[in-house]
Protein backbone atom coordinates (compact mmCIF):
# COMPACT_ATOMS: atom_id res chain seq x y z
CA UNK A 1 1.70 6.34 33.60
CA UNK A 2 3.49 3.29 33.97
CA UNK A 3 2.44 2.22 37.61
CA UNK A 4 0.55 -0.90 36.46
CA UNK A 5 2.05 -3.88 38.51
CA UNK A 6 1.07 -6.52 36.07
CA UNK A 7 3.48 -9.28 34.88
CA UNK A 8 4.63 -10.01 31.35
CA UNK A 9 1.57 -10.87 29.03
CA UNK A 10 0.81 -14.21 28.07
CA UNK A 11 2.07 -15.72 24.83
CA UNK A 12 -0.72 -17.04 22.36
CA UNK A 13 -0.30 -19.67 19.63
CA UNK A 14 1.93 -17.73 17.05
CA UNK A 15 1.61 -20.63 14.45
CA UNK A 16 -2.30 -20.31 14.06
CA UNK A 17 -1.65 -18.18 11.36
CA UNK A 18 1.27 -17.97 8.65
CA UNK A 19 0.87 -14.23 8.67
CA UNK A 20 1.29 -14.03 12.22
CA UNK A 21 4.72 -14.09 14.02
CA UNK A 22 3.46 -13.74 17.63
CA UNK A 23 0.13 -13.93 19.27
CA UNK A 24 0.21 -11.92 22.59
CA UNK A 25 -2.79 -11.92 25.17
CA UNK A 26 -2.22 -8.82 27.57
CA UNK A 27 -1.95 -9.11 31.19
CA UNK A 28 -4.96 -7.11 32.76
CA UNK A 29 -5.01 -5.16 36.41
CA UNK A 30 -6.90 -2.63 38.20
CA UNK A 31 -5.28 0.29 38.86
CA UNK A 32 -7.76 2.44 41.02
CA UNK A 33 -11.09 2.92 38.97
CA UNK A 34 -10.29 1.07 36.03
CA UNK A 35 -8.48 -1.87 34.58
CA UNK A 36 -5.28 -1.73 32.10
CA UNK A 37 -4.08 -4.47 29.76
CA UNK A 38 -0.27 -4.42 29.04
CA UNK A 39 0.91 -5.98 25.87
CA UNK A 40 4.39 -4.71 25.68
CA UNK A 41 6.80 -5.43 26.72
CA UNK A 42 6.30 -9.46 27.03
CA UNK A 43 8.32 -12.39 27.63
CA UNK A 44 8.24 -13.46 23.92
CA UNK A 45 8.53 -10.03 22.45
CA UNK A 46 9.94 -6.83 23.99
CA UNK A 47 9.67 -4.13 21.33
CA UNK A 48 7.88 -3.40 18.15
CA UNK A 49 9.66 -1.00 16.07
CA UNK A 50 10.47 1.53 18.59
CA UNK A 51 7.31 0.68 20.52
CA UNK A 52 8.76 -0.65 24.00
CA UNK A 53 5.59 -0.08 26.21
CA UNK A 54 1.69 -0.50 25.06
CA UNK A 55 -0.83 -0.18 27.70
CA UNK A 56 -4.53 -0.33 26.88
CA UNK A 57 -6.35 1.86 29.57
CA UNK A 58 -10.09 0.83 29.94
CA UNK A 59 -12.56 0.95 28.51
CA UNK A 60 -14.43 1.88 31.93
CA UNK A 61 -17.06 4.01 33.67
CA UNK A 62 -15.54 6.02 36.59
CA UNK A 63 -17.72 7.28 39.47
CA UNK A 64 -18.53 10.70 40.34
CA UNK A 65 -15.57 12.00 42.92
CA UNK A 66 -13.04 9.54 41.54
CA UNK A 67 -10.81 9.88 38.88
CA UNK A 68 -7.04 8.85 37.80
CA UNK A 69 -4.28 10.21 40.07
CA UNK A 70 -0.85 9.13 38.92
CA UNK A 71 1.55 10.95 40.77
CA UNK A 72 4.58 12.83 39.73
CA UNK A 73 7.15 10.13 38.53
CA UNK A 74 10.12 10.44 36.55
CA UNK A 75 11.14 9.07 33.04
CA UNK A 76 14.61 8.80 30.86
CA UNK A 77 15.10 7.46 27.21
CA UNK A 78 11.88 7.38 25.83
CA UNK A 79 8.75 9.34 24.74
CA UNK A 80 5.27 8.65 26.13
CA UNK A 81 2.42 8.70 23.63
CA UNK A 82 -1.10 9.34 25.09
CA UNK A 83 -4.08 8.55 23.14
CA UNK A 84 -7.54 8.86 24.34
CA UNK A 85 -10.90 7.38 23.00
CA UNK A 86 -12.94 8.65 25.94
CA UNK A 87 -12.48 11.06 28.86
CA UNK A 88 -9.84 13.81 29.76
CA UNK A 89 -6.29 13.73 31.53
CA UNK A 90 -4.60 16.57 32.88
CA UNK A 91 -0.89 16.64 32.08
CA UNK A 92 1.62 18.35 34.16
CA UNK A 93 5.51 18.02 33.82
CA UNK A 94 8.62 19.40 35.03
CA UNK A 95 9.10 21.61 32.45
CA UNK A 96 6.38 23.61 33.66
CA UNK A 97 3.58 22.04 30.54
CA UNK A 98 0.09 21.94 31.90
CA UNK A 99 -2.11 20.39 29.17
CA UNK A 100 -5.56 18.49 29.22
CA UNK A 101 -5.83 16.01 26.53
CA UNK A 102 -8.91 15.29 25.03
CA UNK A 103 -10.14 12.23 22.58
CA UNK A 104 -8.24 12.14 19.52
CA UNK A 105 -5.38 14.48 20.94
CA UNK A 106 -1.86 13.40 20.96
CA UNK A 107 0.35 14.19 23.61
CA UNK A 108 3.90 13.52 23.03
CA UNK A 109 6.45 14.01 25.96
CA UNK A 110 10.14 12.79 25.20
CA UNK A 111 11.97 12.30 28.35
CA UNK A 112 15.40 12.28 26.95
CA UNK A 113 17.91 12.60 29.92
CA UNK A 114 15.02 13.16 32.40
CA UNK A 115 11.65 14.65 33.16
CA UNK A 116 9.20 14.01 35.69
CA UNK A 117 5.16 14.36 35.23
CA UNK A 118 1.82 13.62 36.45
CA UNK A 119 -1.21 12.50 35.11
CA UNK A 120 -4.64 13.28 36.86
CA UNK A 121 -8.42 13.35 35.95
CA UNK A 122 -9.27 16.91 35.58
CA UNK A 123 -11.22 18.07 38.90
CA UNK A 124 -14.02 19.63 36.61
CA UNK A 125 -14.69 16.26 35.43
CA UNK A 126 -15.06 14.55 39.00
CA UNK A 127 -18.47 15.95 39.48
CA UNK A 128 -20.39 13.18 37.40
CA UNK A 129 -19.55 9.38 36.08
CA UNK A 130 -17.75 9.57 32.88
CA UNK A 131 -16.12 7.10 30.70
CA UNK A 132 -12.50 6.40 30.10
CA UNK A 133 -10.52 4.81 27.69
CA UNK A 134 -7.37 5.34 25.53
CA UNK A 135 -4.01 4.44 24.94
CA UNK A 136 -0.59 4.98 26.43
CA UNK A 137 2.64 3.82 24.59
CA UNK A 138 6.24 4.35 24.98
CA UNK A 139 8.76 4.71 22.17
CA UNK A 140 12.59 4.30 22.72
CA UNK A 141 14.52 6.77 21.52
CA UNK A 142 17.43 6.25 18.98
CA UNK A 143 20.83 5.56 21.33
CA UNK A 144 22.16 8.99 20.00
CA UNK A 145 18.88 10.51 21.14
CA UNK A 146 18.90 8.91 24.76
CA UNK A 147 20.27 11.94 26.23
CA UNK A 148 18.60 15.07 24.35
CA UNK A 149 17.11 17.72 26.17
CA UNK A 150 13.26 16.77 27.23
CA UNK A 151 10.39 18.13 25.39
CA UNK A 152 6.32 17.83 25.28
CA UNK A 153 4.58 18.31 22.38
CA UNK A 154 0.40 18.31 22.01
CA UNK A 155 -1.26 17.95 18.61
CA UNK A 156 -5.09 18.29 18.57
CA UNK A 157 -7.19 16.04 17.25
CA UNK A 158 -8.26 17.97 14.09
CA UNK A 159 -4.76 18.51 12.98
CA UNK A 160 -4.32 14.53 12.58
CA UNK A 161 -4.63 13.49 8.77
CA UNK A 162 -7.83 11.35 8.38
CA UNK A 163 -8.70 9.05 5.89
CA UNK A 164 -11.94 7.06 5.02
CA UNK A 165 -12.69 4.25 1.98
CA UNK A 166 -15.05 1.72 1.37
CA UNK A 167 -16.10 0.28 4.71
CA UNK A 168 -12.47 1.73 6.40
CA UNK A 169 -11.73 5.12 8.18
CA UNK A 170 -8.93 6.31 10.55
CA UNK A 171 -6.85 8.68 12.03
CA UNK A 172 -2.86 8.87 11.23
CA UNK A 173 -1.71 9.43 14.53
CA UNK A 174 2.35 9.32 13.71
CA UNK A 175 4.40 8.49 10.90
CA UNK A 176 3.53 8.29 6.98
CA UNK A 177 0.86 6.08 5.93
CA UNK A 178 -1.17 5.83 2.56
CA UNK A 179 0.22 9.12 1.25
CA UNK A 180 -0.55 11.06 4.51
CA UNK A 181 1.79 12.54 6.96
CA UNK A 182 1.39 13.23 10.75
CA UNK A 183 2.64 16.42 12.25
CA UNK A 184 3.66 14.64 15.39
CA UNK A 185 7.45 14.64 15.64
CA UNK A 186 9.36 11.32 15.34
CA UNK A 187 12.97 10.48 16.10
CA UNK A 188 12.83 7.11 14.04
CA UNK A 189 10.78 5.71 11.29
CA UNK A 190 7.27 5.01 13.32
CA UNK A 191 3.98 3.64 12.42
CA UNK A 192 0.55 4.39 14.57
CA UNK A 193 -2.74 4.37 12.89
CA UNK A 194 -6.07 4.32 14.37
CA UNK A 195 -8.49 2.15 12.16
CA UNK A 196 -11.86 1.23 12.22
CA UNK A 197 -13.60 -0.99 9.72
CA UNK A 198 -17.34 -1.87 9.15
CA UNK A 199 -19.11 -4.90 9.19
CA UNK A 200 -17.22 -7.16 6.58
CA UNK A 201 -14.63 -4.36 5.52
CA UNK A 202 -11.53 -5.08 4.06
CA UNK A 203 -8.72 -3.06 4.68
CA UNK A 204 -4.89 -3.73 3.19
CA UNK A 205 -1.61 -3.78 5.46
CA UNK A 206 1.43 -3.68 3.34
CA UNK A 207 4.84 -4.57 4.44
CA UNK A 208 6.45 -0.79 4.11
CA UNK A 209 7.80 -0.85 7.94
CA UNK A 210 10.61 -3.13 9.19
CA UNK A 211 8.33 -4.26 12.19
CA UNK A 212 4.65 -4.12 12.35
CA UNK A 213 1.86 -5.24 14.90
CA UNK A 214 -2.10 -4.91 15.25
CA UNK A 215 -3.81 -4.41 18.69
CA UNK A 216 -7.69 -5.11 18.60
CA UNK A 217 -9.33 -2.99 20.52
CA UNK A 218 -13.01 -4.07 19.92
CA UNK A 219 -14.93 -6.71 17.55
CA UNK A 220 -12.99 -9.32 15.20
CA UNK A 221 -10.34 -9.45 12.63
CA UNK A 222 -9.44 -12.10 9.96
CA UNK A 223 -6.26 -12.37 8.53
CA UNK A 224 -5.29 -15.15 6.44
CA UNK A 225 -8.44 -17.27 7.31
CA UNK A 226 -7.87 -16.85 10.83
CA UNK A 227 -10.03 -14.61 13.05
CA UNK A 228 -8.71 -12.72 16.46
CA UNK A 229 -10.70 -11.03 18.86
CA UNK A 230 -10.51 -7.97 21.31
CA UNK A 231 -7.44 -7.69 23.29
CA UNK A 232 -4.89 -9.24 21.41
CA UNK A 233 -1.65 -8.24 19.97
CA UNK A 234 -0.88 -9.63 16.58
CA UNK A 235 2.95 -9.28 15.52
CA UNK A 236 2.75 -9.65 11.88
CA UNK A 237 5.99 -11.50 10.07
CA UNK A 238 8.10 -8.99 8.16
CA UNK A 239 7.66 -8.49 4.37
CA UNK A 240 4.23 -9.92 4.09
CA UNK A 241 1.41 -7.76 2.69
CA UNK A 242 -1.89 -8.88 4.39
CA UNK A 243 -5.49 -8.06 4.19
CA UNK A 244 -7.61 -7.31 7.22
CA UNK A 245 -11.16 -8.47 7.26
CA UNK A 246 -13.47 -7.17 10.06
CA UNK A 247 -15.94 -9.77 11.67
CA UNK A 248 -20.00 -9.11 11.39
CA UNK A 249 -19.91 -6.45 14.23
CA UNK A 250 -17.05 -4.43 12.62
CA UNK A 251 -13.74 -3.89 14.11
CA UNK A 252 -11.69 -1.30 16.10
CA UNK A 253 -7.79 -1.58 16.00
CA UNK A 254 -4.74 -0.03 16.07
CA UNK A 255 -1.98 -0.63 13.51
CA UNK A 256 1.92 0.40 14.82
CA UNK A 257 5.59 -0.49 14.36
CA UNK A 258 8.40 0.91 12.55
CA UNK A 259 12.19 0.63 12.42
CA UNK A 260 13.72 -1.48 14.51
CA UNK A 261 16.11 -0.03 17.37
CA UNK A 262 18.86 -2.37 16.87
CA UNK A 263 20.74 -2.66 20.02
CA UNK A 264 18.72 -4.10 22.93
CA UNK A 265 16.77 -1.57 25.20
CA UNK A 266 17.02 -2.11 28.85
CA UNK A 267 13.61 -1.41 30.74
CA UNK A 268 13.28 -0.81 34.62
CA UNK A 269 10.00 0.82 36.43
CA UNK A 270 10.01 4.25 33.96
CA UNK A 271 13.25 3.87 32.74
CA UNK A 272 14.76 3.10 29.18
CA UNK A 273 18.06 3.12 28.27
CA UNK A 274 20.72 0.76 26.01
CA UNK A 275 22.76 1.24 29.07
CA UNK A 276 22.35 -0.58 32.34
CA UNK A 277 24.57 2.03 33.93
CA UNK A 278 22.37 4.80 32.82
CA UNK A 279 19.37 3.10 34.41
CA UNK A 280 21.21 2.70 37.61
CA UNK A 281 22.13 6.06 37.71
CA UNK A 282 18.41 7.58 37.08
CA UNK A 283 17.22 4.95 39.92
CA UNK A 284 19.86 6.95 42.57
CA UNK A 285 18.75 10.30 40.96
CA UNK A 286 15.54 10.02 41.84
CA UNK A 287 16.00 8.27 45.10
CA UNK A 288 18.02 11.52 46.33
CA UNK A 289 15.78 13.79 44.61
CA UNK A 290 17.79 15.35 42.02
CA UNK A 291 15.07 15.24 39.52
CA UNK A 292 13.21 18.63 38.67
CA UNK A 293 9.91 19.03 40.63
CA UNK A 294 6.54 19.52 38.75
CA UNK A 295 5.05 23.02 39.23
CA UNK A 296 1.38 22.92 40.42
CA UNK A 297 1.99 19.10 41.49
CA UNK A 298 4.79 19.54 44.07
CA UNK A 299 3.27 17.97 47.37
CA UNK A 300 3.41 14.40 46.14
CA UNK A 301 5.50 11.93 44.12
CA UNK A 302 5.93 8.30 43.73
CA UNK A 303 8.66 6.65 45.54
CA UNK A 304 11.50 4.33 43.64
CA UNK A 305 10.51 1.00 43.84
CA UNK A 306 12.09 -1.30 46.39
């Protein structure tokens, strides 16, 4: 999904904590029946590790008869990661994949040289009101992997490593963390952790990754004496180990980051590439109908933005 028409997120006060390099307050827009907050890319921070796009979907209650309907649209040069807390989404793509993602599952779609997909609420879920909440992120591919063959990978929530310590629990979505390893495939060093802290819970976040950030989903988190609230993205200074302390209502957050991509990535609409010329080529190919169709969802598509 990449149809949120919002502008760049706002830049916060990065100087408020020595541990925080950049504080980003996402832009929020309604897309149909729920809101989306976009934290990356922003005017002051385009990427964190391979993460070039970070959308918070919901939380929202969707009325009976309504739902998500993202028509077929193309991608190149990236992997999309869909991770839900509530609700279900039916994914179809031009490889012939059809998969309903449930809360806690991971859908990883690697576009490579080009793929088309749609995302819609399952028809069987539209008969009554239901909650919708989750994250969609994009991972830029290493330069030598940008034109690989497209592929799709689904990982059931039961296959993700889980951890629990005093006052803390979570799922390892992608990467390696605290001796655990996720089965979700990666193309570069990537960290993605779903972390919940009980009221007053403390959790260490070391500096093993080149770039790190935290997105606070709910509650409050105190870092180096400074307290941050929900729907803020905190980019951490490199090489500084920190401790996270939850507020009186606890906290739910995502820890993410990984290896820097080095060379600048260009992003236009649904296309990511280290080459501006490649993006222009993808624009022309979508406009002229040279991408593959999505079996089972052939009648609609999202036109190229003018």
